[in-house]
């Protein structure tokens, strides 16, 4: 017997939530400071905002079986949503004029080390 639709949604939510924390720990180990997680605006949401000095990485986290699946899962609509939210976040930073930024993807495959793809879009 198949699970209820809400059970599948809850499982996907939990899997995504866990993947975001795995990705955040991974970025911390790589020397980033986590500025925000699940940053929400009217225009969209960013999974992780990480900083390394004057560099800001707006990170989309994807829990997929392979890195390729994760990369292809971030389409044009997702990119527009992330970009809109990132511009809102940047506008609220006191040091925004000296910051550089990029859009990254962290792929979190099951039982493997995450992959970090920099400046994807």
PDB file of N, CA and C in Angstrom:
ATOM      1  N   UNK A   1       0.838  -1.175   0.000  1.00  0.00           N
ATOM      2  CA  UNK A   1       0.000   0.000   0.000  1.00  0.00           C
ATOM      3  C   UNK A   1       0.885   1.240   0.000  1.00  0.00           C
ATOM      4  N   UNK A   2       0.618   2.137  -0.902  1.00  0.00           N
ATOM      5  CA  UNK A   2       1.402   3.372  -1.030  1.00  0.00           C
ATOM      6  C   UNK A   2       1.072   4.320   0.108  1.00  0.00           C
ATOM      7  N   UNK A   3       2.058   5.149   0.468  1.00  0.00           N
ATOM      8  CA  UNK A   3       1.857   6.130   1.527  1.00  0.00           C
ATOM      9  C   UNK A   3       0.931   7.241   1.078  1.00  0.00           C
ATOM     10  N   UNK A   4       0.385   7.925   2.050  1.00  0.00           N
ATOM     11  CA  UNK A   4      -0.480   9.055   1.754  1.00  0.00           C
ATOM     12  C   UNK A   4       0.343  10.183   1.150  1.00  0.00           C
ATOM     13  N   UNK A   5      -0.279  11.025   0.315  1.00  0.00           N
ATOM     14  CA  UNK A   5       0.468  12.143  -0.283  1.00  0.00           C
ATOM     15  C   UNK A   5       1.118  13.050   0.763  1.00  0.00           C
ATOM     16  N   UNK A   6       0.421  13.299   1.881  1.00  0.00           N
ATOM     17  CA  UNK A   6       1.016  14.169   2.892  1.00  0.00           C
ATOM     18  C   UNK A   6       2.205  13.502   3.572  1.00  0.00           C
ATOM     19  N   UNK A   7       2.205  12.160   3.656  1.00  0.00           N
ATOM     20  CA  UNK A   7       3.356  11.448   4.219  1.00  0.00           C
ATOM     21  C   UNK A   7       4.577  11.611   3.313  1.00  0.00           C
ATOM     22  N   UNK A   8       4.344  11.539   2.015  1.00  0.00           N
ATOM     23  CA  UNK A   8       5.446  11.708   1.055  1.00  0.00           C
ATOM     24  C   UNK A   8       5.982  13.137   1.107  1.00  0.00           C
ATOM     25  N   UNK A   9       5.075  14.102   1.233  1.00  0.00           N
ATOM     26  CA  UNK A   9       5.498  15.507   1.340  1.00  0.00           C
ATOM     27  C   UNK A   9       6.327  15.726   2.601  1.00  0.00           C
ATOM     28  N   UNK A  10       5.885  15.156   3.703  1.00  0.00           N
ATOM     29  CA  UNK A  10       6.606  15.299   4.969  1.00  0.00           C
ATOM     30  C   UNK A  10       7.986  14.649   4.876  1.00  0.00           C
ATOM     31  N   UNK A  11       8.060  13.493   4.253  1.00  0.00           N
ATOM     32  CA  UNK A  11       9.349  12.820   4.092  1.00  0.00           C
ATOM     33  C   UNK A  11      10.291  13.654   3.222  1.00  0.00           C
ATOM     34  N   UNK A  12       9.772  14.243   2.161  1.00  0.00           N
ATOM     35  CA  UNK A  12      10.595  15.085   1.287  1.00  0.00           C
ATOM     36  C   UNK A  12      11.049  16.335   2.029  1.00  0.00           C
ATOM     37  N   UNK A  13      10.166  16.912   2.827  1.00  0.00           N
ATOM     38  CA  UNK A  13      10.516  18.097   3.623  1.00  0.00           C
ATOM     39  C   UNK A  13      11.642  17.756   4.592  1.00  0.00           C
ATOM     40  N   UNK A  14      11.505  16.647   5.287  1.00  0.00           N
ATOM     41  CA  UNK A  14      12.534  16.231   6.248  1.00  0.00           C
ATOM     42  C   UNK A  14      13.862  15.950   5.561  1.00  0.00           C
ATOM     43  N   UNK A  15      13.803  15.299   4.413  1.00  0.00           N
ATOM     44  CA  UNK A  15      15.016  14.992   3.652  1.00  0.00           C
ATOM     45  C   UNK A  15      15.714  16.295   3.229  1.00  0.00           C
ATOM     46  N   UNK A  16      14.937  17.262   2.778  1.00  0.00           N
ATOM     47  CA  UNK A  16      15.497  18.552   2.377  1.00  0.00           C
ATOM     48  C   UNK A  16      16.068  19.318   3.553  1.00  0.00           C
ATOM     49  N   UNK A  17      15.371  19.301   4.670  1.00  0.00           N
ATOM     50  CA  UNK A  17      15.827  19.977   5.884  1.00  0.00           C
ATOM     51  C   UNK A  17      17.151  19.380   6.343  1.00  0.00           C
ATOM     52  N   UNK A  18      17.236  18.065   6.361  1.00  0.00           N
ATOM     53  CA  UNK A  18      18.464  17.375   6.749  1.00  0.00           C
ATOM     54  C   UNK A  18      19.597  17.708   5.775  1.00  0.00           C
ATOM     55  N   UNK A  19      19.300  17.698   4.490  1.00  0.00           N
ATOM     56  CA  UNK A  19      20.319  17.996   3.473  1.00  0.00           C
ATOM     57  C   UNK A  19      20.861  19.411   3.652  1.00  0.00           C
ATOM     58  N   UNK A  20      20.004  20.362   4.005  1.00  0.00           N
ATOM     59  CA  UNK A  20      20.458  21.740   4.214  1.00  0.00           C
ATOM     60  C   UNK A  20      21.441  21.829   5.379  1.00  0.00           C
ATOM     61  N   UNK A  21      21.184  21.090   6.442  1.00  0.00           N
ATOM     62  CA  UNK A  21      22.102  21.111   7.578  1.00  0.00           C
ATOM     63  C   UNK A  21      23.413  20.394   7.271  1.00  0.00           C
ATOM     64  N   UNK A  22      23.341  19.322   6.509  1.00  0.00           N
ATOM     65  CA  UNK A  22      24.567  18.644   6.066  1.00  0.00           C
ATOM     66  C   UNK A  22      25.389  19.606   5.206  1.00  0.00           C
ATOM     67  N   UNK A  23      24.726  20.304   4.293  1.00  0.00           N
ATOM     68  CA  UNK A  23      25.405  21.270   3.422  1.00  0.00           C
ATOM     69  C   UNK A  23      26.020  22.404   4.235  1.00  0.00           C
ATOM     70  N   UNK A  24      25.302  22.895   5.239  1.00  0.00           N
ATOM     71  CA  UNK A  24      25.828  23.979   6.081  1.00  0.00           C
ATOM     72  C   UNK A  24      27.083  23.519   6.818  1.00  0.00           C
ATOM     73  N   UNK A  25      27.061  22.323   7.378  1.00  0.00           N
ATOM     74  CA  UNK A  25      28.250  21.788   8.061  1.00  0.00           C
ATOM     75  C   UNK A  25      29.407  21.638   7.083  1.00  0.00           C
ATOM     76  N   UNK A  26      29.103  21.168   5.892  1.00  0.00           N
ATOM     77  CA  UNK A  26      30.107  21.002   4.846  1.00  0.00           C
ATOM     78  C   UNK A  26      30.755  22.345   4.512  1.00  0.00           C
ATOM     79  N   UNK A  27      29.943  23.382   4.378  1.00  0.00           N
ATOM     80  CA  UNK A  27      30.467  24.716   4.066  1.00  0.00           C
ATOM     81  C   UNK A  27      31.287  25.273   5.232  1.00  0.00           C
ATOM     82  N   UNK A  28      30.852  25.030   6.465  1.00  0.00           N
ATOM     83  CA  UNK A  28      31.623  25.463   7.634  1.00  0.00           C
ATOM     84  C   UNK A  28      33.019  24.842   7.626  1.00  0.00           C
ATOM     85  N   UNK A  29      33.087  23.564   7.318  1.00  0.00           N
ATOM     86  CA  UNK A  29      34.378  22.868   7.258  1.00  0.00           C
ATOM     87  C   UNK A  29      35.265  23.472   6.166  1.00  0.00           C
ATOM     88  N   UNK A  30      34.646  23.967   5.091  1.00  0.00           N
ATOM     89  CA  UNK A  30      35.391  24.589   3.992  1.00  0.00           C
ATOM     90  C   UNK A  30      35.771  26.041   4.275  1.00  0.00           C
ATOM     91  N   UNK A  31      35.439  26.537   5.474  1.00  0.00           N
ATOM     92  CA  UNK A  31      35.855  27.881   5.861  1.00  0.00           C
ATOM     93  C   UNK A  31      34.839  28.983   5.667  1.00  0.00           C
ATOM     94  N   UNK A  32      33.616  28.633   5.335  1.00  0.00           N
ATOM     95  CA  UNK A  32      32.558  29.627   5.177  1.00  0.00           C
ATOM     96  C   UNK A  32      31.895  29.889   6.534  1.00  0.00           C
ATOM     97  N   UNK A  33      31.320  31.076   6.657  1.00  0.00           N
ATOM     98  CA  UNK A  33      30.492  31.414   7.808  1.00  0.00           C
ATOM     99  C   UNK A  33      29.053  31.448   7.306  1.00  0.00           C
ATOM    100  N   UNK A  34      28.155  30.823   8.025  1.00  0.00           N
ATOM    101  CA  UNK A  34      26.755  30.796   7.611  1.00  0.00           C
ATOM    102  C   UNK A  34      26.086  32.077   8.089  1.00  0.00           C
ATOM    103  N   UNK A  35      25.670  32.910   7.143  1.00  0.00           N
ATOM    104  CA  UNK A  35      25.022  34.180   7.466  1.00  0.00           C
ATOM    105  C   UNK A  35      23.522  33.996   7.661  1.00  0.00           C
ATOM    106  N   UNK A  36      22.929  33.047   6.935  1.00  0.00           N
ATOM    107  CA  UNK A  36      21.494  32.793   7.059  1.00  0.00           C
ATOM    108  C   UNK A  36      21.163  31.424   6.473  1.00  0.00           C
ATOM    109  N   UNK A  37      20.117  30.834   7.023  1.00  0.00           N
ATOM    110  CA  UNK A  37      19.572  29.598   6.471  1.00  0.00           C
ATOM    111  C   UNK A  37      18.082  29.811   6.248  1.00  0.00           C
ATOM    112  N   UNK A  38      17.600  29.289   5.154  1.00  0.00           N
ATOM    113  CA  UNK A  38      16.187  29.406   4.785  1.00  0.00           C
ATOM    114  C   UNK A  38      15.720  30.857   4.817  1.00  0.00           C
ATOM    115  N   UNK A  39      16.482  31.697   4.151  1.00  0.00           N
ATOM    116  CA  UNK A  39      16.161  33.122   4.084  1.00  0.00           C
ATOM    117  C   UNK A  39      14.976  33.306   3.143  1.00  0.00           C
ATOM    118  N   UNK A  40      13.877  33.850   3.673  1.00  0.00           N
ATOM    119  CA  UNK A  40      12.639  33.987   2.890  1.00  0.00           C
ATOM    120  C   UNK A  40      12.293  35.457   2.655  1.00  0.00           C
ATOM    121  N   UNK A  41      11.853  35.724   1.441  1.00  0.00           N
ATOM    122  CA  UNK A  41      11.310  37.028   1.090  1.00  0.00           C
ATOM    123  C   UNK A  41      10.022  36.786   0.313  1.00  0.00           C
ATOM    124  N   UNK A  42       9.341  37.871  -0.051  1.00  0.00           N
ATOM    125  CA  UNK A  42       8.148  37.714  -0.886  1.00  0.00           C
ATOM    126  C   UNK A  42       8.518  37.136  -2.247  1.00  0.00           C
ATOM    127  N   UNK A  43       9.729  37.468  -2.710  1.00  0.00           N
ATOM    128  CA  UNK A  43      10.146  37.040  -4.040  1.00  0.00           C
ATOM    129  C   UNK A  43      10.717  35.648  -4.119  1.00  0.00           C
ATOM    130  N   UNK A  44      11.135  35.085  -2.984  1.00  0.00           N
ATOM    131  CA  UNK A  44      11.713  33.750  -3.036  1.00  0.00           C
ATOM    132  C   UNK A  44      12.432  33.374  -1.759  1.00  0.00           C
ATOM    133  N   UNK A  45      13.141  32.280  -1.838  1.00  0.00           N
ATOM    134  CA  UNK A  45      13.841  31.736  -0.682  1.00  0.00           C
ATOM    135  C   UNK A  45      15.232  31.277  -1.096  1.00  0.00           C
ATOM    136  N   UNK A  46      16.174  31.437  -0.164  1.00  0.00           N
ATOM    137  CA  UNK A  46      17.527  30.936  -0.371  1.00  0.00           C
ATOM    138  C   UNK A  46      17.805  29.936   0.739  1.00  0.00           C
ATOM    139  N   UNK A  47      18.298  28.769   0.364  1.00  0.00           N
ATOM    140  CA  UNK A  47      18.559  27.730   1.356  1.00  0.00           C
ATOM    141  C   UNK A  47      19.647  28.152   2.338  1.00  0.00           C
ATOM    142  N   UNK A  48      20.790  28.583   1.821  1.00  0.00           N
ATOM    143  CA  UNK A  48      21.904  28.988   2.675  1.00  0.00           C
ATOM    144  C   UNK A  48      22.570  30.226   2.082  1.00  0.00           C
ATOM    145  N   UNK A  49      22.874  31.181   2.952  1.00  0.00           N
ATOM    146  CA  UNK A  49      23.710  32.313   2.566  1.00  0.00           C
ATOM    147  C   UNK A  49      24.995  32.168   3.364  1.00  0.00           C
ATOM    148  N   UNK A  50      26.094  31.962   2.658  1.00  0.00           N
ATOM    149  CA  UNK A  50      27.385  31.716   3.305  1.00  0.00           C
ATOM    150  C   UNK A  50      28.366  32.804   2.901  1.00  0.00           C
ATOM    151  N   UNK A  51      29.208  33.184   3.855  1.00  0.00           N
ATOM    152  CA  UNK A  51      30.212  34.222   3.586  1.00  0.00           C
ATOM    153  C   UNK A  51      31.606  33.690   3.855  1.00  0.00           C
ATOM    154  N   UNK A  52      32.521  34.184   3.047  1.00  0.00           N
ATOM    155  CA  UNK A  52      33.947  33.923   3.229  1.00  0.00           C
ATOM    156  C   UNK A  52      34.623  35.247   2.916  1.00  0.00           C
ATOM    157  N   UNK A  53      34.903  36.027   3.958  1.00  0.00           N
ATOM    158  CA  UNK A  53      35.433  37.369   3.739  1.00  0.00           C
ATOM    159  C   UNK A  53      34.385  38.246   3.081  1.00  0.00           C
ATOM    160  N   UNK A  54      34.761  38.877   1.961  1.00  0.00           N
ATOM    161  CA  UNK A  54      33.841  39.751   1.229  1.00  0.00           C
ATOM    162  C   UNK A  54      33.056  39.010   0.146  1.00  0.00           C
ATOM    163  N   UNK A  55      33.178  37.691   0.111  1.00  0.00           N
ATOM    164  CA  UNK A  55      32.441  36.879  -0.860  1.00  0.00           C
ATOM    165  C   UNK A  55      31.183  36.315  -0.203  1.00  0.00           C
ATOM    166  N   UNK A  56      30.062  36.454  -0.897  1.00  0.00           N
ATOM    167  CA  UNK A  56      28.811  35.872  -0.436  1.00  0.00           C
ATOM    168  C   UNK A  56      28.395  34.799  -1.433  1.00  0.00           C
ATOM    169  N   UNK A  57      28.099  33.615  -0.911  1.00  0.00           N
ATOM    170  CA  UNK A  57      27.594  32.531  -1.748  1.00  0.00           C
ATOM    171  C   UNK A  57      26.132  32.300  -1.392  1.00  0.00           C
ATOM    172  N   UNK A  58      25.269  32.463  -2.381  1.00  0.00           N
ATOM    173  CA  UNK A  58      23.854  32.138  -2.222  1.00  0.00           C
ATOM    174  C   UNK A  58      23.711  30.697  -2.701  1.00  0.00           C
ATOM    175  N   UNK A  59      23.403  29.818  -1.772  1.00  0.00           N
ATOM    176  CA  UNK A  59      23.517  28.382  -2.026  1.00  0.00           C
ATOM    177  C   UNK A  59      22.153  27.714  -2.075  1.00  0.00           C
ATOM    178  N   UNK A  60      21.915  27.003  -3.156  1.00  0.00           N
ATOM    179  CA  UNK A  60      20.741  26.141  -3.286  1.00  0.00           C
ATOM    180  C   UNK A  60      21.209  24.724  -2.966  1.00  0.00           C
ATOM    181  N   UNK A  61      20.495  24.063  -2.077  1.00  0.00           N
ATOM    182  CA  UNK A  61      20.855  22.706  -1.663  1.00  0.00           C
ATOM    183  C   UNK A  61      19.887  21.733  -2.308  1.00  0.00           C
ATOM    184  N   UNK A  62      20.438  20.680  -2.899  1.00  0.00           N
ATOM    185  CA  UNK A  62      19.604  19.661  -3.519  1.00  0.00           C
ATOM    186  C   UNK A  62      20.029  18.285  -3.027  1.00  0.00           C
ATOM    187  N   UNK A  63      19.080  17.554  -2.465  1.00  0.00           N
ATOM    188  CA  UNK A  63      19.316  16.172  -2.053  1.00  0.00           C
ATOM    189  C   UNK A  63      18.890  15.290  -3.218  1.00  0.00           C
ATOM    190  N   UNK A  64      19.861  14.805  -3.940  1.00  0.00           N
ATOM    191  CA  UNK A  64      19.603  13.960  -5.109  1.00  0.00           C
ATOM    192  C   UNK A  64      20.595  12.800  -5.123  1.00  0.00           C
ATOM    193  N   UNK A  65      20.297  11.799  -5.915  1.00  0.00           N
ATOM    194  CA  UNK A  65      21.181  10.633  -5.988  1.00  0.00           C
ATOM    195  C   UNK A  65      22.525  10.944  -6.604  1.00  0.00           C
ATOM    196  N   UNK A  66      22.542  11.908  -7.512  1.00  0.00           N
ATOM    197  CA  UNK A  66      23.805  12.246  -8.171  1.00  0.00           C
ATOM    198  C   UNK A  66      23.938  13.759  -8.281  1.00  0.00           C
ATOM    199  N   UNK A  67      25.158  14.187  -8.484  1.00  0.00           N
ATOM    200  CA  UNK A  67      25.427  15.611  -8.656  1.00  0.00           C
ATOM    201  C   UNK A  67      24.731  16.139  -9.906  1.00  0.00           C
ATOM    202  N   UNK A  68      24.711  15.344 -10.956  1.00  0.00           N
ATOM    203  CA  UNK A  68      24.070  15.766 -12.209  1.00  0.00           C
ATOM    204  C   UNK A  68      22.582  16.030 -11.994  1.00  0.00           C
ATOM    205  N   UNK A  69      21.924  15.142 -11.260  1.00  0.00           N
ATOM    206  CA  UNK A  69      20.500  15.338 -10.974  1.00  0.00           C
ATOM    207  C   UNK A  69      20.284  16.635 -10.193  1.00  0.00           C
ATOM    208  N   UNK A  70      21.172  16.903  -9.258  1.00  0.00           N
ATOM    209  CA  UNK A  70      21.053  18.125  -8.445  1.00  0.00           C
ATOM    210  C   UNK A  70      21.204  19.369  -9.311  1.00  0.00           C
ATOM    211  N   UNK A  71      22.185  19.353 -10.200  1.00  0.00           N
ATOM    212  CA  UNK A  71      22.412  20.514 -11.059  1.00  0.00           C
ATOM    213  C   UNK A  71      21.223  20.770 -11.977  1.00  0.00           C
ATOM    214  N   UNK A  72      20.657  19.720 -12.539  1.00  0.00           N
ATOM    215  CA  UNK A  72      19.531  19.883 -13.461  1.00  0.00           C
ATOM    216  C   UNK A  72      18.234  20.230 -12.732  1.00  0.00           C
ATOM    217  N   UNK A  73      18.203  20.049 -11.410  1.00  0.00           N
ATOM    218  CA  UNK A  73      16.992  20.335 -10.641  1.00  0.00           C
ATOM    219  C   UNK A  73      16.802  21.823 -10.376  1.00  0.00           C
ATOM    220  N   UNK A  74      17.819  22.628 -10.660  1.00  0.00           N
ATOM    221  CA  UNK A  74      17.717  24.073 -10.429  1.00  0.00           C
ATOM    222  C   UNK A  74      17.484  24.753 -11.775  1.00  0.00           C
ATOM    223  N   UNK A  75      16.215  24.923 -12.098  1.00  0.00           N
ATOM    224  CA  UNK A  75      15.844  25.494 -13.389  1.00  0.00           C
ATOM    225  C   UNK A  75      15.718  27.005 -13.348  1.00  0.00           C
ATOM    226  N   UNK A  76      15.192  27.551 -14.411  1.00  0.00           N
ATOM    227  CA  UNK A  76      15.061  28.999 -14.553  1.00  0.00           C
ATOM    228  C   UNK A  76      14.190  29.646 -13.502  1.00  0.00           C
ATOM    229  N   UNK A  77      13.086  29.007 -13.138  1.00  0.00           N
ATOM    230  CA  UNK A  77      12.202  29.574 -12.108  1.00  0.00           C
ATOM    231  C   UNK A  77      12.906  29.609 -10.760  1.00  0.00           C
ATOM    232  N   UNK A  78      13.617  28.539 -10.429  1.00  0.00           N
ATOM    233  CA  UNK A  78      14.365  28.505  -9.168  1.00  0.00           C
ATOM    234  C   UNK A  78      15.444  29.574  -9.158  1.00  0.00           C
ATOM    235  N   UNK A  79      16.130  29.717 -10.261  1.00  0.00           N
ATOM    236  CA  UNK A  79      17.192  30.719 -10.354  1.00  0.00           C
ATOM    237  C   UNK A  79      16.625  32.129 -10.162  1.00  0.00           C
ATOM    238  N   UNK A  80      15.482  32.406 -10.767  1.00  0.00           N
ATOM    239  CA  UNK A  80      14.854  33.726 -10.632  1.00  0.00           C
ATOM    240  C   UNK A  80      14.435  33.981  -9.184  1.00  0.00           C
ATOM    241  N   UNK A  81      13.907  32.966  -8.529  1.00  0.00           N
ATOM    242  CA  UNK A  81      13.477  33.072  -7.130  1.00  0.00           C
ATOM    243  C   UNK A  81      14.669  33.341  -6.222  1.00  0.00           C
ATOM    244  N   UNK A  82      15.752  32.625  -6.443  1.00  0.00           N
ATOM    245  CA  UNK A  82      16.964  32.795  -5.635  1.00  0.00           C
ATOM    246  C   UNK A  82      17.578  34.176  -5.886  1.00  0.00           C
ATOM    247  N   UNK A  83      17.621  34.593  -7.142  1.00  0.00           N
ATOM    248  CA  UNK A  83      18.183  35.896  -7.490  1.00  0.00           C
ATOM    249  C   UNK A  83      17.384  37.023  -6.834  1.00  0.00           C
ATOM    250  N   UNK A  84      16.058  36.935  -6.892  1.00  0.00           N
ATOM    251  CA  UNK A  84      15.217  37.972  -6.277  1.00  0.00           C
ATOM    252  C   UNK A  84      15.468  38.056  -4.775  1.00  0.00           C
ATOM    253  N   UNK A  85      15.530  36.920  -4.118  1.00  0.00           N
ATOM    254  CA  UNK A  85      15.774  36.911  -2.671  1.00  0.00           C
ATOM    255  C   UNK A  85      17.173  37.421  -2.345  1.00  0.00           C
ATOM    256  N   UNK A  86      18.151  37.087  -3.188  1.00  0.00           N
ATOM    257  CA  UNK A  86      19.529  37.522  -2.926  1.00  0.00           C
ATOM    258  C   UNK A  86      19.650  39.044  -3.030  1.00  0.00           C
ATOM    259  N   UNK A  87      18.957  39.647  -3.978  1.00  0.00           N
ATOM    260  CA  UNK A  87      19.005  41.101  -4.125  1.00  0.00           C
ATOM    261  C   UNK A  87      18.378  41.791  -2.909  1.00  0.00           C
ATOM    262  N   UNK A  88      17.331  41.201  -2.360  1.00  0.00           N
ATOM    263  CA  UNK A  88      16.727  41.743  -1.139  1.00  0.00           C
ATOM    264  C   UNK A  88      17.716  41.647   0.018  1.00  0.00           C
ATOM    265  N   UNK A  89      18.350  40.493   0.171  1.00  0.00           N
ATOM    266  CA  UNK A  89      19.319  40.312   1.260  1.00  0.00           C
ATOM    267  C   UNK A  89      20.477  41.300   1.122  1.00  0.00           C
ATOM    268  N   UNK A  90      21.009  41.415  -0.093  1.00  0.00           N
ATOM    269  CA  UNK A  90      22.131  42.331  -0.316  1.00  0.00           C
ATOM    270  C   UNK A  90      21.759  43.778   0.008  1.00  0.00           C
ATOM    271  N   UNK A  91      20.540  44.171  -0.327  1.00  0.00           N
ATOM    272  CA  UNK A  91      20.117  45.557  -0.089  1.00  0.00           C
ATOM    273  C   UNK A  91      20.075  45.894   1.401  1.00  0.00           C
ATOM    274  N   UNK A  92      20.026  44.884   2.250  1.00  0.00           N
ATOM    275  CA  UNK A  92      19.957  45.098   3.699  1.00  0.00           C
ATOM    276  C   UNK A  92      21.320  45.020   4.384  1.00  0.00           C
ATOM    277  N   UNK A  93      22.373  44.782   3.612  1.00  0.00           N
ATOM    278  CA  UNK A  93      23.711  44.653   4.197  1.00  0.00           C
ATOM    279  C   UNK A  93      24.419  46.002   4.198  1.00  0.00           C
ATOM    280  N   UNK A  94      24.982  46.353   5.346  1.00  0.00           N
ATOM    281  CA  UNK A  94      25.681  47.631   5.476  1.00  0.00           C
ATOM    282  C   UNK A  94      26.936  47.679   4.615  1.00  0.00           C
ATOM    283  N   UNK A  95      27.550  46.530   4.382  1.00  0.00           N
ATOM    284  CA  UNK A  95      28.795  46.480   3.606  1.00  0.00           C
ATOM    285  C   UNK A  95      28.573  45.981   2.176  1.00  0.00           C
ATOM    286  N   UNK A  96      27.364  46.100   1.664  1.00  0.00           N
ATOM    287  CA  UNK A  96      27.028  45.516   0.356  1.00  0.00           C
ATOM    288  C   UNK A  96      27.864  46.061  -0.799  1.00  0.00           C
ATOM    289  N   UNK A  97      28.319  47.321  -0.694  1.00  0.00           N
ATOM    290  CA  UNK A  97      29.084  47.911  -1.799  1.00  0.00           C
ATOM    291  C   UNK A  97      30.436  47.239  -1.998  1.00  0.00           C
ATOM    292  N   UNK A  98      30.957  46.590  -0.978  1.00  0.00           N
ATOM    293  CA  UNK A  98      32.265  45.934  -1.142  1.00  0.00           C
ATOM    294  C   UNK A  98      32.162  44.423  -1.315  1.00  0.00           C
ATOM    295  N   UNK A  99      30.946  43.904  -1.328  1.00  0.00           N
ATOM    296  CA  UNK A  99      30.765  42.459  -1.437  1.00  0.00           C
ATOM    297  C   UNK A  99      30.750  41.996  -2.895  1.00  0.00           C
ATOM    298  N   UNK A 100      31.289  40.823  -3.098  1.00  0.00           N
ATOM    299  CA  UNK A 100      31.084  40.127  -4.368  1.00  0.00           C
ATOM    300  C   UNK A 100      30.218  38.917  -4.039  1.00  0.00           C
ATOM    301  N   UNK A 101      29.467  38.450  -5.020  1.00  0.00           N
ATOM    302  CA  UNK A 101      28.591  37.324  -4.744  1.00  0.00           C
ATOM    303  C   UNK A 101      28.483  36.405  -5.937  1.00  0.00           C
ATOM    304  N   UNK A 102      28.018  35.207  -5.618  1.00  0.00           N
ATOM    305  CA  UNK A 102      27.817  34.199  -6.653  1.00  0.00           C
ATOM    306  C   UNK A 102      26.699  33.260  -6.200  1.00  0.00           C
ATOM    307  N   UNK A 103      26.264  32.434  -7.135  1.00  0.00           N
ATOM    308  CA  UNK A 103      25.188  31.486  -6.877  1.00  0.00           C
ATOM    309  C   UNK A 103      25.749  30.075  -7.014  1.00  0.00           C
ATOM    310  N   UNK A 104      25.666  29.326  -5.927  1.00  0.00           N
ATOM    311  CA  UNK A 104      26.237  27.985  -5.862  1.00  0.00           C
ATOM    312  C   UNK A 104      25.143  26.938  -5.666  1.00  0.00           C
ATOM    313  N   UNK A 105      25.510  25.695  -5.942  1.00  0.00           N
ATOM    314  CA  UNK A 105      24.650  24.551  -5.636  1.00  0.00           C
ATOM    315  C   UNK A 105      25.483  23.572  -4.830  1.00  0.00           C
ATOM    316  N   UNK A 106      24.896  23.052  -3.756  1.00  0.00           N
ATOM    317  CA  UNK A 106      25.516  21.957  -3.017  1.00  0.00           C
ATOM    318  C   UNK A 106      24.614  20.744  -3.200  1.00  0.00           C
ATOM    319  N   UNK A 107      25.172  19.717  -3.810  1.00  0.00           N
ATOM    320  CA  UNK A 107      24.459  18.464  -4.021  1.00  0.00           C
ATOM    321  C   UNK A 107      24.760  17.545  -2.842  1.00  0.00           C
ATOM    322  N   UNK A 108      23.708  17.016  -2.238  1.00  0.00           N
ATOM    323  CA  UNK A 108      23.866  16.134  -1.085  1.00  0.00           C
ATOM    324  C   UNK A 108      23.314  14.753  -1.453  1.00  0.00           C
ATOM    325  N   UNK A 109      24.205  13.857  -1.930  1.00  0.00           N
ATOM    326  CA  UNK A 109      23.749  12.505  -2.250  1.00  0.00           C
ATOM    327  C   UNK A 109      23.668  11.658  -0.977  1.00  0.00           C
ATOM    328  N   UNK A 110      22.833  10.632  -0.974  1.00  0.00           N
ATOM    329  CA  UNK A 110      22.708   9.812   0.227  1.00  0.00           C
ATOM    330  C   UNK A 110      24.024   9.080   0.557  1.00  0.00           C
ATOM    331  N   UNK A 111      24.427   9.185   1.803  1.00  0.00           N
ATOM    332  CA  UNK A 111      25.592   8.464   2.344  1.00  0.00           C
ATOM    333  C   UNK A 111      26.905   8.788   1.646  1.00  0.00           C
ATOM    334  N   UNK A 112      26.996   9.990   1.068  1.00  0.00           N
ATOM    335  CA  UNK A 112      28.230  10.423   0.415  1.00  0.00           C
ATOM    336  C   UNK A 112      28.542  11.850   0.826  1.00  0.00           C
ATOM    337  N   UNK A 113      29.767  12.267   0.591  1.00  0.00           N
ATOM    338  CA  UNK A 113      30.164  13.639   0.877  1.00  0.00           C
ATOM    339  C   UNK A 113      29.513  14.561  -0.145  1.00  0.00           C
ATOM    340  N   UNK A 114      28.988  15.704   0.297  1.00  0.00           N
ATOM    341  CA  UNK A 114      28.364  16.639  -0.647  1.00  0.00           C
ATOM    342  C   UNK A 114      29.356  17.160  -1.689  1.00  0.00           C
ATOM    343  N   UNK A 115      28.814  17.638  -2.808  1.00  0.00           N
ATOM    344  CA  UNK A 115      29.598  18.272  -3.860  1.00  0.00           C
ATOM    345  C   UNK A 115      29.199  19.736  -3.926  1.00  0.00           C
ATOM    346  N   UNK A 116      30.206  20.611  -4.026  1.00  0.00           N
ATOM    347  CA  UNK A 116      29.972  22.052  -4.066  1.00  0.00           C
ATOM    348  C   UNK A 116      30.285  22.572  -5.453  1.00  0.00           C
ATOM    349  N   UNK A 117      29.279  23.102  -6.133  1.00  0.00           N
ATOM    350  CA  UNK A 117      29.440  23.659  -7.462  1.00  0.00           C
ATOM    351  C   UNK A 117      29.340  25.179  -7.339  1.00  0.00           C
ATOM    352  N   UNK A 118      30.409  25.854  -7.660  1.00  0.00           N
ATOM    353  CA  UNK A 118      30.492  27.307  -7.474  1.00  0.00           C
ATOM    354  C   UNK A 118      30.104  28.060  -8.740  1.00  0.00           C
ATOM    355  N   UNK A 119      29.468  29.209  -8.532  1.00  0.00           N
ATOM    356  CA  UNK A 119      29.130  30.135  -9.620  1.00  0.00           C
ATOM    357  C   UNK A 119      28.383  29.435 -10.754  1.00  0.00           C
ATOM    358  N   UNK A 120      27.314  28.753 -10.395  1.00  0.00           N
ATOM    359  CA  UNK A 120      26.584  27.929 -11.350  1.00  0.00           C
ATOM    360  C   UNK A 120      25.708  28.757 -12.288  1.00  0.00           C
ATOM    361  N   UNK A 121      25.131  29.836 -11.783  1.00  0.00           N
ATOM    362  CA  UNK A 121      24.290  30.682 -12.655  1.00  0.00           C
ATOM    363  C   UNK A 121      24.454  32.130 -12.306  1.00  0.00           C
TER     364      UNK A 121
END
